[in-house]
PDB file of N, CA and C in Angstrom:
ATOM      1  N   MET A   1     -84.944  53.773 -23.401  1.00  0.00           N
ATOM      2  CA  MET A   1     -84.719  55.180 -22.729  1.00  0.00           C
ATOM      3  C   MET A   1     -83.263  56.117 -23.668  1.00  0.00           C
ATOM      4  N   SER A   2     -83.289  56.934 -24.407  1.00  0.00           N
ATOM      5  CA  SER A   2     -81.943  57.298 -24.978  1.00  0.00           C
ATOM      6  C   SER A   2     -81.859  58.725 -24.254  1.00  0.00           C
ATOM      7  N   GLY A   3     -80.133  58.946 -24.395  1.00  0.00           N
ATOM      8  CA  GLY A   3     -80.311  60.712 -23.965  1.00  0.00           C
ATOM      9  C   GLY A   3     -78.637  60.968 -25.162  1.00  0.00           C
ATOM     10  N   GLU A   4     -78.179  62.090 -24.685  1.00  0.00           N
ATOM     11  CA  GLU A   4     -76.991  62.538 -25.524  1.00  0.00           C
ATOM     12  C   GLU A   4     -76.058  62.483 -24.125  1.00  0.00           C
ATOM     13  N   CYS A   5     -75.105  62.539 -24.555  1.00  0.00           N
ATOM     14  CA  CYS A   5     -73.584  62.878 -24.083  1.00  0.00           C
ATOM     15  C   CYS A   5     -72.941  64.200 -24.946  1.00  0.00           C
ATOM     16  N   HIS A   6     -72.777  65.173 -23.904  1.00  0.00           N
ATOM     17  CA  HIS A   6     -71.724  66.343 -24.662  1.00  0.00           C
ATOM     18  C   HIS A   6     -70.389  66.661 -23.863  1.00  0.00           C
ATOM     19  N   ILE A   7     -69.504  66.896 -24.811  1.00  0.00           N
ATOM     20  CA  ILE A   7     -68.338  66.860 -24.365  1.00  0.00           C
ATOM     21  C   ILE A   7     -67.779  68.252 -25.260  1.00  0.00           C
ATOM     22  N   SER A   8     -67.434  69.380 -23.844  1.00  0.00           N
ATOM     23  CA  SER A   8     -67.125  70.558 -24.732  1.00  0.00           C
ATOM     24  C   SER A   8     -65.656  70.544 -23.377  1.00  0.00           C
ATOM     25  N   SER A   9     -64.709  71.708 -24.635  1.00  0.00           N
ATOM     26  CA  SER A   9     -63.457  71.465 -23.915  1.00  0.00           C
ATOM     27  C   SER A   9     -63.768  73.629 -23.882  1.00  0.00           C
ATOM     28  N   LEU A  10     -63.006  73.865 -23.237  1.00  0.00           N
ATOM     29  CA  LEU A  10     -62.589  75.283 -22.777  1.00  0.00           C
ATOM     30  C   LEU A  10     -61.826  75.655 -22.512  1.00  0.00           C
ATOM     31  N   VAL A  11     -61.094  76.851 -22.787  1.00  0.00           N
ATOM     32  CA  VAL A  11     -59.881  77.680 -22.221  1.00  0.00           C
ATOM     33  C   VAL A  11     -60.531  79.010 -21.559  1.00  0.00           C
ATOM     34  N   ILE A  12     -59.870  78.913 -20.310  1.00  0.00           N
ATOM     35  CA  ILE A  12     -60.102  79.949 -19.119  1.00  0.00           C
ATOM     36  C   ILE A  12     -59.277  80.882 -19.246  1.00  0.00           C
ATOM     37  N   HIS A  13     -59.348  81.900 -18.850  1.00  0.00           N
ATOM     38  CA  HIS A  13     -57.920  83.329 -18.679  1.00  0.00           C
ATOM     39  C   HIS A  13     -58.705  83.218 -17.504  1.00  0.00           C
ATOM     40  N   GLY A  14     -57.682  83.304 -16.535  1.00  0.00           N
ATOM     41  CA  GLY A  14     -57.638  83.975 -15.405  1.00  0.00           C
ATOM     42  C   GLY A  14     -56.507  84.912 -14.783  1.00  0.00           C
ATOM     43  N   ARG A  15     -56.999  85.546 -13.854  1.00  0.00           N
ATOM     44  CA  ARG A  15     -55.681  86.369 -13.282  1.00  0.00           C
ATOM     45  C   ARG A  15     -55.082  85.782 -12.734  1.00  0.00           C
ATOM     46  N   PRO A  16     -53.574  85.576 -12.929  1.00  0.00           N
ATOM     47  CA  PRO A  16     -53.062  84.920 -12.054  1.00  0.00           C
ATOM     48  C   PRO A  16     -53.128  84.554 -10.543  1.00  0.00           C
ATOM     49  N   ASP A  17     -53.074  85.962 -10.133  1.00  0.00           N
ATOM     50  CA  ASP A  17     -53.357  85.621  -8.542  1.00  0.00           C
ATOM     51  C   ASP A  17     -54.573  84.671  -8.143  1.00  0.00           C
ATOM     52  N   ARG A  18     -55.718  84.643  -8.998  1.00  0.00           N
ATOM     53  CA  ARG A  18     -56.706  84.114  -8.582  1.00  0.00           C
ATOM     54  C   ARG A  18     -57.029  82.505  -9.153  1.00  0.00           C
ATOM     55  N   VAL A  19     -56.032  82.479 -10.089  1.00  0.00           N
ATOM     56  CA  VAL A  19     -55.716  80.707 -10.533  1.00  0.00           C
ATOM     57  C   VAL A  19     -56.485  79.852  -9.465  1.00  0.00           C
ATOM     58  N   PRO A  20     -55.597  79.586  -8.244  1.00  0.00           N
ATOM     59  CA  PRO A  20     -56.107  78.511  -7.193  1.00  0.00           C
ATOM     60  C   PRO A  20     -57.522  79.035  -7.173  1.00  0.00           C
ATOM     61  N   SER A  21     -58.127  79.948  -6.461  1.00  0.00           N
ATOM     62  CA  SER A  21     -59.445  79.946  -6.299  1.00  0.00           C
ATOM     63  C   SER A  21     -60.526  79.136  -7.416  1.00  0.00           C
ATOM     64  N   ILE A  22     -59.954  79.862  -8.349  1.00  0.00           N
ATOM     65  CA  ILE A  22     -60.948  79.559  -9.976  1.00  0.00           C
ATOM     66  C   ILE A  22     -60.923  77.862 -10.237  1.00  0.00           C
ATOM     67  N   ILE A  23     -59.628  77.104  -9.708  1.00  0.00           N
ATOM     68  CA  ILE A  23     -59.660  75.500  -9.948  1.00  0.00           C
ATOM     69  C   ILE A  23     -60.540  75.153  -8.870  1.00  0.00           C
ATOM     70  N   GLU A  24     -60.456  75.715  -7.609  1.00  0.00           N
ATOM     71  CA  GLU A  24     -61.284  74.967  -6.439  1.00  0.00           C
ATOM     72  C   GLU A  24     -63.212  75.469  -6.918  1.00  0.00           C
ATOM     73  N   HIS A  25     -62.981  76.227  -7.446  1.00  0.00           N
ATOM     74  CA  HIS A  25     -64.354  76.502  -7.839  1.00  0.00           C
ATOM     75  C   HIS A  25     -65.000  75.889  -8.723  1.00  0.00           C
ATOM     76  N   LEU A  26     -63.752  75.269 -10.174  1.00  0.00           N
ATOM     77  CA  LEU A  26     -64.594  74.712 -10.961  1.00  0.00           C
ATOM     78  C   LEU A  26     -64.541  73.249 -10.550  1.00  0.00           C
ATOM     79  N   SER A  27     -63.686  72.989  -9.232  1.00  0.00           N
ATOM     80  CA  SER A  27     -63.757  71.833  -9.053  1.00  0.00           C
ATOM     81  C   SER A  27     -65.381  71.061  -8.442  1.00  0.00           C
ATOM     82  N   LEU A  28     -66.174  72.080  -8.063  1.00  0.00           N
ATOM     83  CA  LEU A  28     -67.037  71.994  -7.445  1.00  0.00           C
ATOM     84  C   LEU A  28     -68.462  71.864  -8.790  1.00  0.00           C
ATOM     85  N   ILE A  29     -68.070  72.559  -9.758  1.00  0.00           N
ATOM     86  CA  ILE A  29     -68.773  72.318 -11.211  1.00  0.00           C
ATOM     87  C   ILE A  29     -68.959  70.906 -11.840  1.00  0.00           C
ATOM     88  N   GLU A  30     -70.210  70.308 -11.727  1.00  0.00           N
ATOM     89  CA  GLU A  30     -70.343  69.069 -12.020  1.00  0.00           C
ATOM     90  C   GLU A  30     -70.089  68.722 -13.395  1.00  0.00           C
ATOM     91  N   GLY A  31     -69.314  67.559 -13.683  1.00  0.00           N
ATOM     92  CA  GLY A  31     -68.589  67.420 -14.804  1.00  0.00           C
ATOM     93  C   GLY A  31     -67.280  68.021 -15.801  1.00  0.00           C
ATOM     94  N   ALA A  32     -66.694  69.291 -14.786  1.00  0.00           N
ATOM     95  CA  ALA A  32     -65.676  69.983 -15.297  1.00  0.00           C
ATOM     96  C   ALA A  32     -64.432  69.714 -14.474  1.00  0.00           C
ATOM     97  N   GLU A  33     -63.317  69.197 -15.601  1.00  0.00           N
ATOM     98  CA  GLU A  33     -62.178  68.876 -15.066  1.00  0.00           C
ATOM     99  C   GLU A  33     -61.238  69.738 -15.936  1.00  0.00           C
ATOM    100  N   VAL A  34     -60.165  70.364 -15.212  1.00  0.00           N
ATOM    101  CA  VAL A  34     -58.934  71.357 -15.558  1.00  0.00           C
ATOM    102  C   VAL A  34     -58.275  70.084 -15.833  1.00  0.00           C
ATOM    103  N   HIS A  35     -57.494  70.188 -16.538  1.00  0.00           N
ATOM    104  CA  HIS A  35     -56.122  69.249 -17.587  1.00  0.00           C
ATOM    105  C   HIS A  35     -54.984  70.172 -17.767  1.00  0.00           C
ATOM    106  N   GLY A  36     -54.622  71.453 -17.227  1.00  0.00           N
ATOM    107  CA  GLY A  36     -53.649  72.200 -17.480  1.00  0.00           C
ATOM    108  C   GLY A  36     -53.768  73.738 -17.633  1.00  0.00           C
ATOM    109  N   GLY A  37     -52.563  74.497 -17.677  1.00  0.00           N
ATOM    110  CA  GLY A  37     -52.739  75.850 -17.580  1.00  0.00           C
ATOM    111  C   GLY A  37     -52.575  76.678 -16.562  1.00  0.00           C
ATOM    112  N   GLN A  38     -52.484  76.017 -15.326  1.00  0.00           N
ATOM    113  CA  GLN A  38     -52.584  76.761 -14.425  1.00  0.00           C
ATOM    114  C   GLN A  38     -50.902  77.393 -13.752  1.00  0.00           C
ATOM    115  N   GLU A  39     -50.062  77.382 -14.839  1.00  0.00           N
ATOM    116  CA  GLU A  39     -48.716  78.014 -14.675  1.00  0.00           C
ATOM    117  C   GLU A  39     -49.138  79.407 -15.184  1.00  0.00           C
ATOM    118  N   THR A  40     -49.885  79.359 -15.971  1.00  0.00           N
ATOM    119  CA  THR A  40     -50.234  80.504 -16.958  1.00  0.00           C
ATOM    120  C   THR A  40     -51.414  81.547 -16.978  1.00  0.00           C
ATOM    121  N   GLY A  41     -52.310  80.754 -16.530  1.00  0.00           N
ATOM    122  CA  GLY A  41     -53.700  81.258 -16.127  1.00  0.00           C
ATOM    123  C   GLY A  41     -54.484  81.582 -16.873  1.00  0.00           C
ATOM    124  N   LYS A  42     -54.207  80.317 -17.936  1.00  0.00           N
ATOM    125  CA  LYS A  42     -54.866  80.362 -19.154  1.00  0.00           C
ATOM    126  C   LYS A  42     -55.603  78.599 -19.081  1.00  0.00           C
ATOM    127  N   LEU A  43     -56.450  78.062 -18.339  1.00  0.00           N
ATOM    128  CA  LEU A  43     -57.067  76.669 -17.810  1.00  0.00           C
ATOM    129  C   LEU A  43     -57.249  76.227 -19.031  1.00  0.00           C
ATOM    130  N   ILE A  44     -56.889  74.773 -19.184  1.00  0.00           N
ATOM    131  CA  ILE A  44     -57.481  74.292 -20.305  1.00  0.00           C
ATOM    132  C   ILE A  44     -58.381  72.947 -19.727  1.00  0.00           C
ATOM    133  N   VAL A  45     -60.280  73.371 -19.797  1.00  0.00           N
ATOM    134  CA  VAL A  45     -61.043  72.191 -19.128  1.00  0.00           C
ATOM    135  C   VAL A  45     -62.077  71.730 -19.895  1.00  0.00           C
ATOM    136  N   THR A  46     -62.112  70.361 -19.665  1.00  0.00           N
ATOM    137  CA  THR A  46     -63.449  69.924 -20.272  1.00  0.00           C
ATOM    138  C   THR A  46     -64.721  69.825 -19.482  1.00  0.00           C
ATOM    139  N   LEU A  47     -66.149  69.575 -20.138  1.00  0.00           N
ATOM    140  CA  LEU A  47     -67.132  69.369 -19.524  1.00  0.00           C
ATOM    141  C   LEU A  47     -67.817  68.567 -20.222  1.00  0.00           C
ATOM    142  N   GLU A  48     -68.425  67.884 -19.393  1.00  0.00           N
ATOM    143  CA  GLU A  48     -69.078  66.382 -19.636  1.00  0.00           C
ATOM    144  C   GLU A  48     -70.997  66.707 -19.098  1.00  0.00           C
ATOM    145  N   THR A  49     -71.142  66.867 -19.886  1.00  0.00           N
ATOM    146  CA  THR A  49     -72.780  67.154 -19.576  1.00  0.00           C
ATOM    147  C   THR A  49     -73.709  66.180 -20.775  1.00  0.00           C
ATOM    148  N   ASP A  50     -75.291  66.554 -20.122  1.00  0.00           N
ATOM    149  CA  ASP A  50     -76.179  65.317 -20.946  1.00  0.00           C
ATOM    150  C   ASP A  50     -77.007  66.368 -21.718  1.00  0.00           C
ATOM    151  N   THR A  51     -77.190  67.687 -21.536  1.00  0.00           N
ATOM    152  CA  THR A  51     -77.637  68.372 -22.735  1.00  0.00           C
ATOM    153  C   THR A  51     -76.758  69.484 -22.616  1.00  0.00           C
ATOM    154  N   GLU A  52     -77.198  70.151 -23.643  1.00  0.00           N
ATOM    155  CA  GLU A  52     -76.052  71.143 -24.610  1.00  0.00           C
ATOM    156  C   GLU A  52     -76.823  72.875 -23.434  1.00  0.00           C
ATOM    157  N   SER A  53     -78.022  72.649 -23.498  1.00  0.00           N
ATOM    158  CA  SER A  53     -77.967  73.727 -22.052  1.00  0.00           C
ATOM    159  C   SER A  53     -77.612  73.509 -20.804  1.00  0.00           C
ATOM    160  N   GLN A  54     -77.166  72.281 -20.431  1.00  0.00           N
ATOM    161  CA  GLN A  54     -76.333  72.444 -19.245  1.00  0.00           C
ATOM    162  C   GLN A  54     -74.655  73.019 -19.688  1.00  0.00           C
ATOM    163  N   VAL A  55     -74.436  72.764 -20.599  1.00  0.00           N
ATOM    164  CA  VAL A  55     -73.225  73.005 -21.382  1.00  0.00           C
ATOM    165  C   VAL A  55     -73.201  75.102 -20.945  1.00  0.00           C
ATOM    166  N   VAL A  56     -74.210  75.300 -21.888  1.00  0.00           N
ATOM    167  CA  VAL A  56     -74.487  76.780 -21.638  1.00  0.00           C
ATOM    168  C   VAL A  56     -74.458  77.394 -20.214  1.00  0.00           C
ATOM    169  N   GLU A  57     -75.100  76.749 -19.333  1.00  0.00           N
ATOM    170  CA  GLU A  57     -75.271  76.911 -17.704  1.00  0.00           C
ATOM    171  C   GLU A  57     -73.797  76.708 -17.035  1.00  0.00           C
ATOM    172  N   ARG A  58     -73.197  75.930 -17.667  1.00  0.00           N
ATOM    173  CA  ARG A  58     -71.581  76.022 -16.866  1.00  0.00           C
ATOM    174  C   ARG A  58     -70.608  77.045 -17.366  1.00  0.00           C
ATOM    175  N   ILE A  59     -70.867  77.003 -18.712  1.00  0.00           N
ATOM    176  CA  ILE A  59     -70.173  78.450 -19.329  1.00  0.00           C
ATOM    177  C   ILE A  59     -70.450  79.452 -18.356  1.00  0.00           C
ATOM    178  N   ASN A  60     -71.255  80.325 -18.433  1.00  0.00           N
ATOM    179  CA  ASN A  60     -72.082  81.439 -17.742  1.00  0.00           C
ATOM    180  C   ASN A  60     -71.535  81.274 -16.303  1.00  0.00           C
ATOM    181  N   ALA A  61     -72.075  80.513 -15.676  1.00  0.00           N
ATOM    182  CA  ALA A  61     -71.336  80.440 -14.068  1.00  0.00           C
ATOM    183  C   ALA A  61     -69.502  80.488 -13.833  1.00  0.00           C
ATOM    184  N   ILE A  62     -69.192  79.742 -15.138  1.00  0.00           N
ATOM    185  CA  ILE A  62     -67.399  80.338 -14.928  1.00  0.00           C
ATOM    186  C   ILE A  62     -67.114  81.158 -15.524  1.00  0.00           C
ATOM    187  N   GLN A  63     -68.237  81.844 -16.516  1.00  0.00           N
ATOM    188  CA  GLN A  63     -67.521  83.269 -16.478  1.00  0.00           C
ATOM    189  C   GLN A  63     -68.041  84.399 -15.757  1.00  0.00           C
ATOM    190  N   LEU A  64     -68.659  83.749 -14.754  1.00  0.00           N
ATOM    191  CA  LEU A  64     -68.916  84.766 -13.359  1.00  0.00           C
ATOM    192  C   LEU A  64     -67.977  84.260 -12.344  1.00  0.00           C
ATOM    193  N   LEU A  65     -66.931  83.684 -12.293  1.00  0.00           N
ATOM    194  CA  LEU A  65     -66.451  83.548 -11.272  1.00  0.00           C
ATOM    195  C   LEU A  65     -65.529  84.336 -11.007  1.00  0.00           C
ATOM    196  N   ASP A  66     -65.291  84.670  -9.840  1.00  0.00           N
ATOM    197  CA  ASP A  66     -64.315  85.729  -9.342  1.00  0.00           C
ATOM    198  C   ASP A  66     -62.706  85.730 -10.098  1.00  0.00           C
ATOM    199  N   GLY A  67     -62.052  86.687 -10.819  1.00  0.00           N
ATOM    200  CA  GLY A  67     -60.994  86.065 -11.804  1.00  0.00           C
ATOM    201  C   GLY A  67     -60.886  86.061 -12.568  1.00  0.00           C
ATOM    202  N   VAL A  68     -62.211  85.627 -13.527  1.00  0.00           N
ATOM    203  CA  VAL A  68     -62.190  84.917 -14.561  1.00  0.00           C
ATOM    204  C   VAL A  68     -62.255  86.012 -15.458  1.00  0.00           C
ATOM    205  N   LEU A  69     -61.148  86.260 -16.606  1.00  0.00           N
ATOM    206  CA  LEU A  69     -61.338  87.292 -17.539  1.00  0.00           C
ATOM    207  C   LEU A  69     -62.098  87.036 -18.823  1.00  0.00           C
ATOM    208  N   ALA A  70     -62.115  85.617 -19.133  1.00  0.00           N
ATOM    209  CA  ALA A  70     -63.326  85.140 -20.364  1.00  0.00           C
ATOM    210  C   ALA A  70     -62.690  83.588 -19.712  1.00  0.00           C
ATOM    211  N   ALA A  71     -63.957  82.857 -20.691  1.00  0.00           N
ATOM    212  CA  ALA A  71     -64.386  81.693 -21.106  1.00  0.00           C
ATOM    213  C   ALA A  71     -64.512  81.528 -21.826  1.00  0.00           C
ATOM    214  N   THR A  72     -64.003  80.615 -23.175  1.00  0.00           N
ATOM    215  CA  THR A  72     -63.924  80.431 -24.477  1.00  0.00           C
ATOM    216  C   THR A  72     -63.994  78.897 -24.677  1.00  0.00           C
ATOM    217  N   LEU A  73     -65.294  78.740 -25.580  1.00  0.00           N
ATOM    218  CA  LEU A  73     -66.028  77.347 -25.850  1.00  0.00           C
ATOM    219  C   LEU A  73     -64.827  76.970 -27.134  1.00  0.00           C
ATOM    220  N   VAL A  74     -64.059  76.265 -27.147  1.00  0.00           N
ATOM    221  CA  VAL A  74     -63.212  75.511 -28.405  1.00  0.00           C
ATOM    222  C   VAL A  74     -63.937  74.204 -29.134  1.00  0.00           C
ATOM    223  N   PHE A  75     -64.313  73.693 -28.220  1.00  0.00           N
ATOM    224  CA  PHE A  75     -64.990  72.229 -29.288  1.00  0.00           C
ATOM    225  C   PHE A  75     -66.074  71.898 -28.372  1.00  0.00           C
ATOM    226  N   HIS A  76     -66.821  71.536 -29.102  1.00  0.00           N
ATOM    227  CA  HIS A  76     -68.154  70.864 -28.475  1.00  0.00           C
ATOM    228  C   HIS A  76     -68.857  69.382 -29.488  1.00  0.00           C
ATOM    229  N   HIS A  77     -68.759  68.330 -28.638  1.00  0.00           N
ATOM    230  CA  HIS A  77     -69.213  67.225 -29.693  1.00  0.00           C
ATOM    231  C   HIS A  77     -70.537  66.366 -28.975  1.00  0.00           C
ATOM    232  N   PHE A  78     -71.340  66.294 -29.562  1.00  0.00           N
ATOM    233  CA  PHE A  78     -72.490  65.015 -28.759  1.00  0.00           C
ATOM    234  C   PHE A  78     -72.559  64.355 -29.663  1.00  0.00           C
ATOM    235  N   GLU A  79     -73.210  63.159 -29.078  1.00  0.00           N
ATOM    236  CA  GLU A  79     -73.790  62.032 -29.363  1.00  0.00           C
ATOM    237  C   GLU A  79     -74.917  61.197 -28.995  1.00  0.00           C
ATOM    238  N   PRO A  80     -75.980  60.316 -29.118  1.00  0.00           N
ATOM    239  CA  PRO A  80     -76.818  59.504 -29.061  1.00  0.00           C
ATOM    240  C   PRO A  80     -75.957  58.753 -27.780  1.00  0.00           C
ATOM    241  N   VAL A  81     -76.700  58.434 -26.441  1.00  0.00           N
ATOM    242  CA  VAL A  81     -76.644  57.398 -25.715  1.00  0.00           C
ATOM    243  C   VAL A  81     -77.331  56.338 -25.276  1.00  0.00           C
ATOM    244  N   GLN A  82     -77.501  55.284 -25.485  1.00  0.00           N
ATOM    245  CA  GLN A  82     -78.561  54.168 -25.212  1.00  0.00           C
ATOM    246  C   GLN A  82     -78.307  53.172 -24.371  1.00  0.00           C
ATOM    247  N   GLU A  83     -79.170  53.128 -23.207  1.00  0.00           N
ATOM    248  CA  GLU A  83     -79.450  52.024 -22.383  1.00  0.00           C
ATOM    249  C   GLU A  83     -79.157  51.132 -22.875  1.00  0.00           C
ATOM    250  N   ARG A  84     -78.037  50.011 -22.112  1.00  0.00           N
ATOM    251  CA  ARG A  84     -77.640  48.423 -22.870  1.00  0.00           C
ATOM    252  C   ARG A  84     -78.626  47.867 -22.100  1.00  0.00           C
ATOM    253  N   GLU A  85     -79.473  46.791 -22.870  1.00  0.00           N
ATOM    254  CA  GLU A  85     -80.909  45.973 -23.300  1.00  0.00           C
ATOM    255  C   GLU A  85     -80.283  44.944 -21.258  1.00  0.00           C
TER     256      GLU A  85
END
């Protein structure tokens, strides 16, 4: 059986007063991890997903979070993954 591994990075610009809430909501999104930017309100986030459509779904969900001004895809990479025999 084979699948794919998608790794994406985003910059999420949020209202400074809503950043803690945005980070809390991001922690509930499967595959999302915050890597910095809390001080400026411009969060650096990675997503790890199984499909391209999951990337799009998660970005759409992030854009709808209260306090998010913009969520911009910066990088997207995917490659096939095969189970070990």
